[in-house]
PDB file of N, CA and C in Angstrom:
ATOM      1  N   MET A   1       1.111  -2.603  16.966  1.00  0.00           N
ATOM      2  CA  MET A   1       1.466  -3.063  15.601  1.00  0.00           C
ATOM      3  C   MET A   1       0.259  -3.554  14.838  1.00  0.00           C
ATOM      4  N   LYS A   2       0.160  -3.170  13.680  1.00  0.00           N
ATOM      5  CA  LYS A   2      -0.991  -3.714  12.918  1.00  0.00           C
ATOM      6  C   LYS A   2      -0.575  -4.871  11.952  1.00  0.00           C
ATOM      7  N   LYS A   3      -1.518  -5.593  11.577  1.00  0.00           N
ATOM      8  CA  LYS A   3      -1.239  -6.752  10.697  1.00  0.00           C
ATOM      9  C   LYS A   3      -0.531  -6.292   9.457  1.00  0.00           C
ATOM     10  N   GLY A   4       0.552  -6.945   9.163  1.00  0.00           N
ATOM     11  CA  GLY A   4       1.442  -6.568   8.035  1.00  0.00           C
ATOM     12  C   GLY A   4       1.237  -7.590   6.886  1.00  0.00           C
ATOM     13  N   ARG A   5       1.926  -7.289   5.875  1.00  0.00           N
ATOM     14  CA  ARG A   5       1.862  -8.033   4.689  1.00  0.00           C
ATOM     15  C   ARG A   5       2.530  -9.426   4.924  1.00  0.00           C
ATOM     16  N   PHE A   6       3.549  -9.576   5.772  1.00  0.00           N
ATOM     17  CA  PHE A   6       4.118 -10.864   6.048  1.00  0.00           C
ATOM     18  C   PHE A   6       3.177 -11.765   6.642  1.00  0.00           C
ATOM     19  N   GLY A   7       2.458 -11.237   7.739  1.00  0.00           N
ATOM     20  CA  GLY A   7       1.396 -12.075   8.319  1.00  0.00           C
ATOM     21  C   GLY A   7       0.305 -12.548   7.386  1.00  0.00           C
ATOM     22  N   GLU A   8      -0.103 -11.611   6.557  1.00  0.00           N
ATOM     23  CA  GLU A   8      -1.116 -11.981   5.594  1.00  0.00           C
ATOM     24  C   GLU A   8      -0.633 -13.021   4.630  1.00  0.00           C
ATOM     25  N   PHE A   9       0.626 -12.900   4.159  1.00  0.00           N
ATOM     26  CA  PHE A   9       1.264 -13.871   3.321  1.00  0.00           C
ATOM     27  C   PHE A   9       1.389 -15.226   3.946  1.00  0.00           C
ATOM     28  N   PHE A  10       1.883 -15.145   5.227  1.00  0.00           N
ATOM     29  CA  PHE A  10       2.037 -16.432   5.952  1.00  0.00           C
ATOM     30  C   PHE A  10       0.612 -17.193   6.098  1.00  0.00           C
ATOM     31  N   ARG A  11      -0.393 -16.426   6.441  1.00  0.00           N
ATOM     32  CA  ARG A  11      -1.799 -16.960   6.590  1.00  0.00           C
ATOM     33  C   ARG A  11      -2.272 -17.544   5.261  1.00  0.00           C
ATOM     34  N   GLN A  12      -2.006 -16.824   4.176  1.00  0.00           N
ATOM     35  CA  GLN A  12      -2.405 -17.312   2.828  1.00  0.00           C
ATOM     36  C   GLN A  12      -1.767 -18.708   2.507  1.00  0.00           C
ATOM     37  N   LYS A  13      -0.421 -18.701   2.767  1.00  0.00           N
ATOM     38  CA  LYS A  13       0.294 -20.010   2.462  1.00  0.00           C
ATOM     39  C   LYS A  13      -0.186 -21.119   3.328  1.00  0.00           C
ATOM     40  N   ARG A  14      -0.500 -20.748   4.635  1.00  0.00           N
ATOM     41  CA  ARG A  14      -1.032 -21.888   5.459  1.00  0.00           C
ATOM     42  C   ARG A  14      -2.327 -22.411   5.118  1.00  0.00           C
ATOM     43  N   LEU A  15      -3.276 -21.449   4.638  1.00  0.00           N
ATOM     44  CA  LEU A  15      -4.542 -21.818   4.159  1.00  0.00           C
ATOM     45  C   LEU A  15      -4.467 -22.578   2.794  1.00  0.00           C
ATOM     46  N   GLU A  16      -3.495 -22.256   2.011  1.00  0.00           N
ATOM     47  CA  GLU A  16      -3.294 -23.007   0.718  1.00  0.00           C
ATOM     48  C   GLU A  16      -2.939 -24.507   1.048  1.00  0.00           C
ATOM     49  N   LEU A  17      -2.332 -24.749   2.172  1.00  0.00           N
ATOM     50  CA  LEU A  17      -2.095 -26.096   2.615  1.00  0.00           C
ATOM     51  C   LEU A  17      -3.394 -26.754   3.251  1.00  0.00           C
ATOM     52  N   LYS A  18      -4.455 -25.952   3.171  1.00  0.00           N
ATOM     53  CA  LYS A  18      -5.774 -26.486   3.783  1.00  0.00           C
ATOM     54  C   LYS A  18      -5.593 -26.864   5.226  1.00  0.00           C
ATOM     55  N   LEU A  19      -4.936 -26.064   6.000  1.00  0.00           N
ATOM     56  CA  LEU A  19      -4.652 -26.366   7.417  1.00  0.00           C
ATOM     57  C   LEU A  19      -5.206 -25.152   8.164  1.00  0.00           C
ATOM     58  N   THR A  20      -5.973 -25.495   9.295  1.00  0.00           N
ATOM     59  CA  THR A  20      -6.216 -24.547  10.226  1.00  0.00           C
ATOM     60  C   THR A  20      -5.027 -24.072  11.063  1.00  0.00           C
ATOM     61  N   LEU A  21      -5.163 -23.093  11.794  1.00  0.00           N
ATOM     62  CA  LEU A  21      -3.969 -22.654  12.615  1.00  0.00           C
ATOM     63  C   LEU A  21      -3.417 -23.792  13.496  1.00  0.00           C
ATOM     64  N   ARG A  22      -4.415 -24.399  14.229  1.00  0.00           N
ATOM     65  CA  ARG A  22      -4.125 -25.478  15.087  1.00  0.00           C
ATOM     66  C   ARG A  22      -3.554 -26.728  14.396  1.00  0.00           C
ATOM     67  N   GLN A  23      -4.192 -27.036  13.279  1.00  0.00           N
ATOM     68  CA  GLN A  23      -3.655 -28.225  12.475  1.00  0.00           C
ATOM     69  C   GLN A  23      -2.313 -27.982  12.047  1.00  0.00           C
ATOM     70  N   PHE A  24      -2.007 -26.725  11.456  1.00  0.00           N
ATOM     71  CA  PHE A  24      -0.597 -26.446  11.051  1.00  0.00           C
ATOM     72  C   PHE A  24       0.415 -26.554  12.084  1.00  0.00           C
ATOM     73  N   CYS A  25       0.028 -25.955  13.300  1.00  0.00           N
ATOM     74  CA  CYS A  25       0.956 -26.007  14.430  1.00  0.00           C
ATOM     75  C   CYS A  25       1.237 -27.385  14.975  1.00  0.00           C
ATOM     76  N   ARG A  26       0.094 -28.164  15.111  1.00  0.00           N
ATOM     77  CA  ARG A  26       0.329 -29.530  15.504  1.00  0.00           C
ATOM     78  C   ARG A  26       1.156 -30.344  14.518  1.00  0.00           C
ATOM     79  N   LYS A  27       0.905 -30.194  13.291  1.00  0.00           N
ATOM     80  CA  LYS A  27       1.630 -30.955  12.251  1.00  0.00           C
ATOM     81  C   LYS A  27       3.091 -30.474  12.103  1.00  0.00           C
ATOM     82  N   LYS A  28       3.406 -29.231  12.211  1.00  0.00           N
ATOM     83  CA  LYS A  28       4.660 -28.701  11.964  1.00  0.00           C
ATOM     84  C   LYS A  28       5.446 -28.412  13.296  1.00  0.00           C
ATOM     85  N   GLY A  29       4.781 -28.569  14.403  1.00  0.00           N
ATOM     86  CA  GLY A  29       5.598 -28.406  15.717  1.00  0.00           C
ATOM     87  C   GLY A  29       5.713 -26.961  16.170  1.00  0.00           C
ATOM     88  N   TYR A  30       4.749 -26.155  15.930  1.00  0.00           N
ATOM     89  CA  TYR A  30       4.863 -24.720  16.315  1.00  0.00           C
ATOM     90  C   TYR A  30       3.758 -24.406  17.333  1.00  0.00           C
ATOM     91  N   ASP A  31       3.973 -23.397  18.130  1.00  0.00           N
ATOM     92  CA  ASP A  31       2.969 -23.013  19.194  1.00  0.00           C
ATOM     93  C   ASP A  31       1.944 -22.110  18.450  1.00  0.00           C
ATOM     94  N   ALA A  32       0.695 -22.490  18.621  1.00  0.00           N
ATOM     95  CA  ALA A  32      -0.354 -21.771  17.932  1.00  0.00           C
ATOM     96  C   ALA A  32      -0.473 -20.301  18.260  1.00  0.00           C
ATOM     97  N   GLY A  33      -0.169 -20.001  19.472  1.00  0.00           N
ATOM     98  CA  GLY A  33      -0.213 -18.600  19.988  1.00  0.00           C
ATOM     99  C   GLY A  33       0.867 -17.758  19.288  1.00  0.00           C
ATOM    100  N   TYR A  34       2.040 -18.265  19.098  1.00  0.00           N
ATOM    101  CA  TYR A  34       3.189 -17.672  18.434  1.00  0.00           C
ATOM    102  C   TYR A  34       2.786 -17.431  16.936  1.00  0.00           C
ATOM    103  N   ILE A  35       2.286 -18.449  16.305  1.00  0.00           N
ATOM    104  CA  ILE A  35       1.992 -18.330  14.882  1.00  0.00           C
ATOM    105  C   ILE A  35       0.793 -17.337  14.687  1.00  0.00           C
ATOM    106  N   SER A  36      -0.160 -17.385  15.573  1.00  0.00           N
ATOM    107  CA  SER A  36      -1.324 -16.486  15.462  1.00  0.00           C
ATOM    108  C   SER A  36      -0.928 -15.086  15.648  1.00  0.00           C
ATOM    109  N   ARG A  37      -0.038 -14.773  16.628  1.00  0.00           N
ATOM    110  CA  ARG A  37       0.425 -13.416  16.892  1.00  0.00           C
ATOM    111  C   ARG A  37       1.211 -12.924  15.736  1.00  0.00           C
ATOM    112  N   MET A  38       2.029 -13.816  15.019  1.00  0.00           N
ATOM    113  CA  MET A  38       2.807 -13.442  13.856  1.00  0.00           C
ATOM    114  C   MET A  38       1.850 -13.158  12.745  1.00  0.00           C
ATOM    115  N   GLU A  39       0.942 -13.971  12.427  1.00  0.00           N
ATOM    116  CA  GLU A  39      -0.032 -13.727  11.373  1.00  0.00           C
ATOM    117  C   GLU A  39      -0.886 -12.453  11.584  1.00  0.00           C
ATOM    118  N   CYS A  40      -1.095 -12.106  12.810  1.00  0.00           N
ATOM    119  CA  CYS A  40      -1.870 -10.897  13.134  1.00  0.00           C
ATOM    120  C   CYS A  40      -1.084  -9.643  13.147  1.00  0.00           C
ATOM    121  N   GLY A  41       0.283  -9.751  13.021  1.00  0.00           N
ATOM    122  CA  GLY A  41       1.242  -8.626  13.091  1.00  0.00           C
ATOM    123  C   GLY A  41       1.519  -8.209  14.579  1.00  0.00           C
ATOM    124  N   LEU A  42       1.223  -8.978  15.479  1.00  0.00           N
ATOM    125  CA  LEU A  42       1.483  -8.714  16.896  1.00  0.00           C
ATOM    126  C   LEU A  42       2.938  -9.090  17.193  1.00  0.00           C
ATOM    127  N   LEU A  43       3.552  -9.910  16.439  1.00  0.00           N
ATOM    128  CA  LEU A  43       4.962 -10.367  16.579  1.00  0.00           C
ATOM    129  C   LEU A  43       5.587 -10.185  15.240  1.00  0.00           C
ATOM    130  N   LEU A  44       6.807  -9.758  15.288  1.00  0.00           N
ATOM    131  CA  LEU A  44       7.655  -9.629  14.052  1.00  0.00           C
ATOM    132  C   LEU A  44       8.081 -11.056  13.608  1.00  0.00           C
ATOM    133  N   PRO A  45       8.466 -11.279  12.330  1.00  0.00           N
ATOM    134  CA  PRO A  45       8.987 -12.468  11.937  1.00  0.00           C
ATOM    135  C   PRO A  45      10.369 -12.708  12.723  1.00  0.00           C
ATOM    136  N   PRO A  46      10.824 -13.887  12.844  1.00  0.00           N
ATOM    137  CA  PRO A  46      12.122 -14.054  13.573  1.00  0.00           C
ATOM    138  C   PRO A  46      13.228 -13.402  12.960  1.00  0.00           C
ATOM    139  N   LYS A  47      14.167 -12.969  13.742  1.00  0.00           N
ATOM    140  CA  LYS A  47      15.442 -12.362  13.190  1.00  0.00           C
ATOM    141  C   LYS A  47      16.343 -13.441  12.683  1.00  0.00           C
ATOM    142  N   ASP A  48      16.428 -14.519  13.441  1.00  0.00           N
ATOM    143  CA  ASP A  48      17.224 -15.706  13.040  1.00  0.00           C
ATOM    144  C   ASP A  48      16.849 -16.205  11.752  1.00  0.00           C
ATOM    145  N   ILE A  49      17.814 -16.237  10.760  1.00  0.00           N
ATOM    146  CA  ILE A  49      17.588 -16.703   9.389  1.00  0.00           C
ATOM    147  C   ILE A  49      17.178 -18.096   9.363  1.00  0.00           C
ATOM    148  N   GLU A  50      17.782 -18.939  10.208  1.00  0.00           N
ATOM    149  CA  GLU A  50      17.456 -20.336  10.223  1.00  0.00           C
ATOM    150  C   GLU A  50      16.002 -20.639  10.630  1.00  0.00           C
ATOM    151  N   LYS A  51      15.553 -19.863  11.727  1.00  0.00           N
ATOM    152  CA  LYS A  51      14.114 -20.029  12.057  1.00  0.00           C
ATOM    153  C   LYS A  51      13.157 -19.529  10.988  1.00  0.00           C
ATOM    154  N   LEU A  52      13.614 -18.499  10.300  1.00  0.00           N
ATOM    155  CA  LEU A  52      12.798 -17.965   9.162  1.00  0.00           C
ATOM    156  C   LEU A  52      12.706 -19.062   7.998  1.00  0.00           C
ATOM    157  N   LYS A  53      13.901 -19.629   7.743  1.00  0.00           N
ATOM    158  CA  LYS A  53      13.837 -20.681   6.735  1.00  0.00           C
ATOM    159  C   LYS A  53      12.979 -21.889   7.187  1.00  0.00           C
ATOM    160  N   ALA A  54      13.082 -22.267   8.484  1.00  0.00           N
ATOM    161  CA  ALA A  54      12.272 -23.349   8.883  1.00  0.00           C
ATOM    162  C   ALA A  54      10.753 -23.072   8.857  1.00  0.00           C
ATOM    163  N   LEU A  55      10.323 -21.740   8.965  1.00  0.00           N
ATOM    164  CA  LEU A  55       8.995 -21.389   8.774  1.00  0.00           C
ATOM    165  C   LEU A  55       8.666 -21.470   7.241  1.00  0.00           C
ATOM    166  N   ALA A  56       9.447 -21.061   6.386  1.00  0.00           N
ATOM    167  CA  ALA A  56       9.158 -21.142   4.986  1.00  0.00           C
ATOM    168  C   ALA A  56       9.078 -22.614   4.534  1.00  0.00           C
ATOM    169  N   ILE A  57       9.859 -23.462   5.009  1.00  0.00           N
ATOM    170  CA  ILE A  57       9.898 -24.875   4.714  1.00  0.00           C
ATOM    171  C   ILE A  57       8.531 -25.502   5.314  1.00  0.00           C
ATOM    172  N   ALA A  58       8.179 -25.140   6.541  1.00  0.00           N
ATOM    173  CA  ALA A  58       6.935 -25.573   7.091  1.00  0.00           C
ATOM    174  C   ALA A  58       5.704 -25.261   6.216  1.00  0.00           C
ATOM    175  N   LEU A  59       5.749 -24.087   5.594  1.00  0.00           N
ATOM    176  CA  LEU A  59       4.691 -23.615   4.770  1.00  0.00           C
ATOM    177  C   LEU A  59       4.818 -24.331   3.311  1.00  0.00           C
ATOM    178  N   GLU A  60       5.863 -25.095   3.175  1.00  0.00           N
ATOM    179  CA  GLU A  60       6.082 -25.872   1.896  1.00  0.00           C
ATOM    180  C   GLU A  60       6.390 -24.831   0.779  1.00  0.00           C
ATOM    181  N   ILE A  61       7.028 -23.816   1.063  1.00  0.00           N
ATOM    182  CA  ILE A  61       7.482 -22.909   0.070  1.00  0.00           C
ATOM    183  C   ILE A  61       8.745 -23.421  -0.514  1.00  0.00           C
ATOM    184  N   LYS A  62       8.767 -23.677  -1.810  1.00  0.00           N
ATOM    185  CA  LYS A  62      10.035 -24.175  -2.456  1.00  0.00           C
ATOM    186  C   LYS A  62      11.201 -23.146  -2.463  1.00  0.00           C
ATOM    187  N   LYS A  63      12.424 -23.631  -2.178  1.00  0.00           N
ATOM    188  CA  LYS A  63      13.554 -22.874  -2.210  1.00  0.00           C
ATOM    189  C   LYS A  63      13.765 -22.176  -3.554  1.00  0.00           C
ATOM    190  N   ASN A  64      14.341 -20.947  -3.676  1.00  0.00           N
ATOM    191  CA  ASN A  64      14.639 -20.248  -4.903  1.00  0.00           C
ATOM    192  C   ASN A  64      13.479 -19.993  -5.793  1.00  0.00           C
ATOM    193  N   THR A  65      12.208 -19.982  -5.336  1.00  0.00           N
ATOM    194  CA  THR A  65      11.110 -19.654  -6.210  1.00  0.00           C
ATOM    195  C   THR A  65      10.759 -18.180  -5.789  1.00  0.00           C
ATOM    196  N   PRO A  66       9.904 -17.560  -6.665  1.00  0.00           N
ATOM    197  CA  PRO A  66       9.466 -16.194  -6.354  1.00  0.00           C
ATOM    198  C   PRO A  66       8.728 -16.094  -4.957  1.00  0.00           C
ATOM    199  N   ASN A  67       7.998 -17.203  -4.604  1.00  0.00           N
ATOM    200  CA  ASN A  67       7.362 -17.140  -3.311  1.00  0.00           C
ATOM    201  C   ASN A  67       8.420 -17.270  -2.128  1.00  0.00           C
ATOM    202  N   TRP A  68       9.512 -17.927  -2.337  1.00  0.00           N
ATOM    203  CA  TRP A  68      10.556 -17.949  -1.329  1.00  0.00           C
ATOM    204  C   TRP A  68      11.129 -16.593  -1.155  1.00  0.00           C
ATOM    205  N   VAL A  69      11.482 -15.940  -2.270  1.00  0.00           N
ATOM    206  CA  VAL A  69      12.078 -14.596  -2.229  1.00  0.00           C
ATOM    207  C   VAL A  69      11.142 -13.588  -1.653  1.00  0.00           C
ATOM    208  N   LEU A  70       9.820 -13.699  -1.946  1.00  0.00           N
ATOM    209  CA  LEU A  70       8.825 -12.812  -1.484  1.00  0.00           C
ATOM    210  C   LEU A  70       8.665 -13.017   0.096  1.00  0.00           C
ATOM    211  N   PHE A  71       8.717 -14.248   0.517  1.00  0.00           N
ATOM    212  CA  PHE A  71       8.592 -14.608   1.952  1.00  0.00           C
ATOM    213  C   PHE A  71       9.655 -13.811   2.756  1.00  0.00           C
ATOM    214  N   PHE A  72      10.890 -13.971   2.253  1.00  0.00           N
ATOM    215  CA  PHE A  72      12.051 -13.300   2.884  1.00  0.00           C
ATOM    216  C   PHE A  72      12.028 -11.829   2.765  1.00  0.00           C
ATOM    217  N   ASP A  73      11.583 -11.255   1.569  1.00  0.00           N
ATOM    218  CA  ASP A  73      11.481  -9.821   1.460  1.00  0.00           C
ATOM    219  C   ASP A  73      10.405  -9.224   2.371  1.00  0.00           C
ATOM    220  N   LEU A  74       9.270  -9.965   2.537  1.00  0.00           N
ATOM    221  CA  LEU A  74       8.249  -9.371   3.345  1.00  0.00           C
ATOM    222  C   LEU A  74       8.714  -9.435   4.896  1.00  0.00           C
ATOM    223  N   ALA A  75       9.394 -10.544   5.194  1.00  0.00           N
ATOM    224  CA  ALA A  75       9.900 -10.658   6.575  1.00  0.00           C
ATOM    225  C   ALA A  75      10.844  -9.556   6.993  1.00  0.00           C
ATOM    226  N   ALA A  76      11.743  -9.247   5.972  1.00  0.00           N
ATOM    227  CA  ALA A  76      12.820  -8.130   6.152  1.00  0.00           C
ATOM    228  C   ALA A  76      12.068  -6.740   6.269  1.00  0.00           C
ATOM    229  N   THR A  77      11.037  -6.568   5.389  1.00  0.00           N
ATOM    230  CA  THR A  77      10.255  -5.359   5.341  1.00  0.00           C
ATOM    231  C   THR A  77       9.517  -5.083   6.637  1.00  0.00           C
ATOM    232  N   GLU A  78       8.891  -6.221   7.135  1.00  0.00           N
ATOM    233  CA  GLU A  78       8.179  -6.110   8.305  1.00  0.00           C
ATOM    234  C   GLU A  78       9.064  -5.749   9.585  1.00  0.00           C
ATOM    235  N   LYS A  79      10.265  -6.196   9.459  1.00  0.00           N
ATOM    236  CA  LYS A  79      11.261  -5.865  10.575  1.00  0.00           C
ATOM    237  C   LYS A  79      12.041  -4.590  10.296  1.00  0.00           C
ATOM    238  N   GLY A  80      11.655  -3.942   9.195  1.00  0.00           N
ATOM    239  CA  GLY A  80      12.320  -2.673   8.925  1.00  0.00           C
ATOM    240  C   GLY A  80      13.783  -2.734   8.563  1.00  0.00           C
ATOM    241  N   GLU A  81      14.096  -3.945   7.893  1.00  0.00           N
ATOM    242  CA  GLU A  81      15.434  -4.281   7.352  1.00  0.00           C
ATOM    243  C   GLU A  81      15.458  -4.324   5.823  1.00  0.00           C
ATOM    244  N   ILE A  82      16.640  -4.324   5.372  1.00  0.00           N
ATOM    245  CA  ILE A  82      16.842  -4.480   3.885  1.00  0.00           C
ATOM    246  C   ILE A  82      17.154  -6.011   3.783  1.00  0.00           C
ATOM    247  N   PRO A  83      16.541  -6.671   2.697  1.00  0.00           N
ATOM    248  CA  PRO A  83      16.718  -8.085   2.537  1.00  0.00           C
ATOM    249  C   PRO A  83      18.300  -8.348   2.496  1.00  0.00           C
ATOM    250  N   LYS A  84      18.664  -9.448   2.993  1.00  0.00           N
ATOM    251  CA  LYS A  84      20.125  -9.882   3.217  1.00  0.00           C
ATOM    252  C   LYS A  84      20.719 -10.062   1.806  1.00  0.00           C
ATOM    253  N   ASP A  85      19.992 -10.421   0.852  1.00  0.00           N
ATOM    254  CA  ASP A  85      20.591 -10.775  -0.469  1.00  0.00           C
ATOM    255  C   ASP A  85      20.822  -9.549  -1.275  1.00  0.00           C
ATOM    256  N   ILE A  86      20.553  -8.290  -0.811  1.00  0.00           N
ATOM    257  CA  ILE A  86      20.834  -7.038  -1.492  1.00  0.00           C
ATOM    258  C   ILE A  86      22.299  -6.672  -1.098  1.00  0.00           C
ATOM    259  N   GLU A  87      23.288  -6.817  -2.033  1.00  0.00           N
ATOM    260  CA  GLU A  87      24.632  -6.746  -1.828  1.00  0.00           C
ATOM    261  C   GLU A  87      25.034  -5.346  -1.532  1.00  0.00           C
ATOM    262  N   ASP A  88      24.687  -4.445  -2.287  1.00  0.00           N
ATOM    263  CA  ASP A  88      25.246  -3.127  -2.160  1.00  0.00           C
ATOM    264  C   ASP A  88      24.168  -2.059  -1.812  1.00  0.00           C
ATOM    265  N   PHE A  89      23.883  -2.082  -0.546  1.00  0.00           N
ATOM    266  CA  PHE A  89      22.823  -1.105  -0.061  1.00  0.00           C
ATOM    267  C   PHE A  89      23.257   0.365  -0.071  1.00  0.00           C
ATOM    268  N   SER A  90      24.555   0.613  -0.251  1.00  0.00           N
ATOM    269  CA  SER A  90      25.058   1.960  -0.145  1.00  0.00           C
ATOM    270  C   SER A  90      24.496   2.762  -1.435  1.00  0.00           C
ATOM    271  N   LYS A  91      24.352   2.101  -2.566  1.00  0.00           N
ATOM    272  CA  LYS A  91      23.776   2.718  -3.708  1.00  0.00           C
ATOM    273  C   LYS A  91      22.340   3.123  -3.515  1.00  0.00           C
ATOM    274  N   ILE A  92      21.631   2.098  -2.988  1.00  0.00           N
ATOM    275  CA  ILE A  92      20.123   2.440  -2.725  1.00  0.00           C
ATOM    276  C   ILE A  92      19.978   3.494  -1.655  1.00  0.00           C
ATOM    277  N   LYS A  93      20.812   3.427  -0.655  1.00  0.00           N
ATOM    278  CA  LYS A  93      20.717   4.368   0.456  1.00  0.00           C
ATOM    279  C   LYS A  93      20.670   5.817   0.024  1.00  0.00           C
ATOM    280  N   GLY A  94      21.397   6.154  -0.906  1.00  0.00           N
ATOM    281  CA  GLY A  94      21.505   7.531  -1.459  1.00  0.00           C
ATOM    282  C   GLY A  94      20.172   7.936  -2.178  1.00  0.00           C
ATOM    283  N   MET A  95      19.369   6.909  -2.566  1.00  0.00           N
ATOM    284  CA  MET A  95      18.107   7.257  -3.269  1.00  0.00           C
ATOM    285  C   MET A  95      16.947   7.387  -2.282  1.00  0.00           C
ATOM    286  N   LEU A  96      17.120   6.896  -0.989  1.00  0.00           N
ATOM    287  CA  LEU A  96      16.012   6.912  -0.165  1.00  0.00           C
ATOM    288  C   LEU A  96      15.365   8.329   0.120  1.00  0.00           C
ATOM    289  N   PRO A  97      16.192   9.418   0.226  1.00  0.00           N
ATOM    290  CA  PRO A  97      15.541  10.683   0.415  1.00  0.00           C
ATOM    291  C   PRO A  97      14.495  11.015  -0.714  1.00  0.00           C
ATOM    292  N   VAL A  98      14.806  10.661  -1.954  1.00  0.00           N
ATOM    293  CA  VAL A  98      13.849  10.892  -3.074  1.00  0.00           C
ATOM    294  C   VAL A  98      12.700  10.060  -2.862  1.00  0.00           C
ATOM    295  N   PHE A  99      12.913   8.863  -2.441  1.00  0.00           N
ATOM    296  CA  PHE A  99      11.821   7.916  -2.173  1.00  0.00           C
ATOM    297  C   PHE A  99      10.842   8.520  -1.120  1.00  0.00           C
ATOM    298  N   TYR A 100      11.469   8.975  -0.007  1.00  0.00           N
ATOM    299  CA  TYR A 100      10.686   9.460   1.118  1.00  0.00           C
ATOM    300  C   TYR A 100       9.919  10.742   0.654  1.00  0.00           C
ATOM    301  N   ARG A 101      10.552  11.610  -0.091  1.00  0.00           N
ATOM    302  CA  ARG A 101       9.868  12.876  -0.525  1.00  0.00           C
ATOM    303  C   ARG A 101       8.534  12.508  -1.346  1.00  0.00           C
ATOM    304  N   THR A 102       8.864  11.491  -2.215  1.00  0.00           N
ATOM    305  CA  THR A 102       7.726  11.067  -3.059  1.00  0.00           C
ATOM    306  C   THR A 102       6.643  10.495  -2.334  1.00  0.00           C
ATOM    307  N   LEU A 103       6.943   9.668  -1.250  1.00  0.00           N
ATOM    308  CA  LEU A 103       5.862   9.094  -0.405  1.00  0.00           C
ATOM    309  C   LEU A 103       5.096  10.156   0.352  1.00  0.00           C
ATOM    310  N   ARG A 104       5.785  11.280   0.794  1.00  0.00           N
ATOM    311  CA  ARG A 104       5.194  12.361   1.494  1.00  0.00           C
ATOM    312  C   ARG A 104       4.230  13.156   0.752  1.00  0.00           C
ATOM    313  N   LYS A 105       4.328  13.035  -0.592  1.00  0.00           N
ATOM    314  CA  LYS A 105       3.305  13.761  -1.398  1.00  0.00           C
ATOM    315  C   LYS A 105       1.919  13.158  -1.208  1.00  0.00           C
ATOM    316  N   LYS A 106       1.907  11.976  -0.546  1.00  0.00           N
ATOM    317  CA  LYS A 106       0.649  11.335  -0.319  1.00  0.00           C
ATOM    318  C   LYS A 106       0.117  10.605  -1.521  1.00  0.00           C
ATOM    319  N   LYS A 107       0.005  11.268  -2.623  1.00  0.00           N
ATOM    320  CA  LYS A 107      -0.473  10.621  -3.909  1.00  0.00           C
ATOM    321  C   LYS A 107       0.665  10.280  -4.828  1.00  0.00           C
ATOM    322  N   ILE A 108       0.842   9.018  -4.959  1.00  0.00           N
ATOM    323  CA  ILE A 108       2.017   8.522  -5.834  1.00  0.00           C
ATOM    324  C   ILE A 108       1.413   8.253  -7.211  1.00  0.00           C
ATOM    325  N   THR A 109       1.877   8.960  -8.223  1.00  0.00           N
ATOM    326  CA  THR A 109       1.447   8.774  -9.543  1.00  0.00           C
ATOM    327  C   THR A 109       2.271   7.738 -10.268  1.00  0.00           C
ATOM    328  N   GLU A 110       1.765   7.309 -11.349  1.00  0.00           N
ATOM    329  CA  GLU A 110       2.446   6.262 -12.259  1.00  0.00           C
ATOM    330  C   GLU A 110       3.886   6.988 -12.650  1.00  0.00           C
ATOM    331  N   LYS A 111       3.823   8.201 -12.942  1.00  0.00           N
ATOM    332  CA  LYS A 111       5.049   8.955 -13.415  1.00  0.00           C
ATOM    333  C   LYS A 111       6.125   8.958 -12.223  1.00  0.00           C
ATOM    334  N   ASP A 112       5.602   9.098 -10.991  1.00  0.00           N
ATOM    335  CA  ASP A 112       6.578   9.050  -9.834  1.00  0.00           C
ATOM    336  C   ASP A 112       7.254   7.696  -9.720  1.00  0.00           C
ATOM    337  N   ILE A 113       6.429   6.666  -9.950  1.00  0.00           N
ATOM    338  CA  ILE A 113       7.085   5.273  -9.817  1.00  0.00           C
ATOM    339  C   ILE A 113       7.954   5.102 -10.992  1.00  0.00           C
ATOM    340  N   LYS A 114       7.665   5.479 -12.135  1.00  0.00           N
ATOM    341  CA  LYS A 114       8.587   5.321 -13.297  1.00  0.00           C
ATOM    342  C   LYS A 114       9.837   6.116 -13.034  1.00  0.00           C
ATOM    343  N   ASN A 115       9.825   7.320 -12.501  1.00  0.00           N
ATOM    344  CA  ASN A 115      10.962   8.066 -12.194  1.00  0.00           C
ATOM    345  C   ASN A 115      11.833   7.473 -11.104  1.00  0.00           C
ATOM    346  N   LEU A 116      11.183   6.868 -10.100  1.00  0.00           N
ATOM    347  CA  LEU A 116      11.860   6.182  -9.045  1.00  0.00           C
ATOM    348  C   LEU A 116      12.703   5.006  -9.596  1.00  0.00           C
ATOM    349  N   LEU A 117      12.038   4.225 -10.396  1.00  0.00           N
ATOM    350  CA  LEU A 117      12.550   3.008 -11.027  1.00  0.00           C
ATOM    351  C   LEU A 117      13.738   3.457 -11.873  1.00  0.00           C
ATOM    352  N   LYS A 118      13.579   4.535 -12.629  1.00  0.00           N
ATOM    353  CA  LYS A 118      14.711   5.015 -13.438  1.00  0.00           C
ATOM    354  C   LYS A 118      15.892   5.465 -12.569  1.00  0.00           C
ATOM    355  N   LEU A 119      15.594   5.990 -11.422  1.00  0.00           N
ATOM    356  CA  LEU A 119      16.756   6.289 -10.507  1.00  0.00           C
ATOM    357  C   LEU A 119      17.390   5.031 -10.014  1.00  0.00           C
ATOM    358  N   PHE A 120      16.631   4.112  -9.639  1.00  0.00           N
ATOM    359  CA  PHE A 120      17.228   2.818  -9.161  1.00  0.00           C
ATOM    360  C   PHE A 120      18.091   2.106 -10.233  1.00  0.00           C
ATOM    361  N   ARG A 121      17.592   2.180 -11.413  1.00  0.00           N
ATOM    362  CA  ARG A 121      18.284   1.455 -12.419  1.00  0.00           C
ATOM    363  C   ARG A 121      19.561   2.121 -12.815  1.00  0.00           C
ATOM    364  N   GLN A 122      19.759   3.454 -12.558  1.00  0.00           N
ATOM    365  CA  GLN A 122      20.906   4.189 -12.972  1.00  0.00           C
ATOM    366  C   GLN A 122      22.046   3.842 -12.131  1.00  0.00           C
ATOM    367  N   LYS A 123      21.793   3.350 -10.929  1.00  0.00           N
ATOM    368  CA  LYS A 123      22.873   3.048  -9.926  1.00  0.00           C
ATOM    369  C   LYS A 123      23.564   1.719 -10.149  1.00  0.00           C
TER     370      LYS A 123
END
């Protein structure tokens, strides 16, 4: 597994607190090996939502802010899941084949992105 965006975001937020990995873990009560492997993408974010919330709080990410939402979106993406707050995945699921075909073209143009967004907004 390679380093993912969740791990990068996690590390960025930790560094914004001006804490080394060991300082963060000592202060917040986490195992440095665990956090290091998660930041490097060797471990997926926890599946348990309460553990994930605890990590967000440890990073001092305020609830219901764009960074809070991004933290959980990146965690879900890293785990290959759809974020829990997306209520009706059935509508999106039908659009995934178009999305996959677009990605397989290798080069995604601005027009492709606009067309995909248009499809998403229609549902």
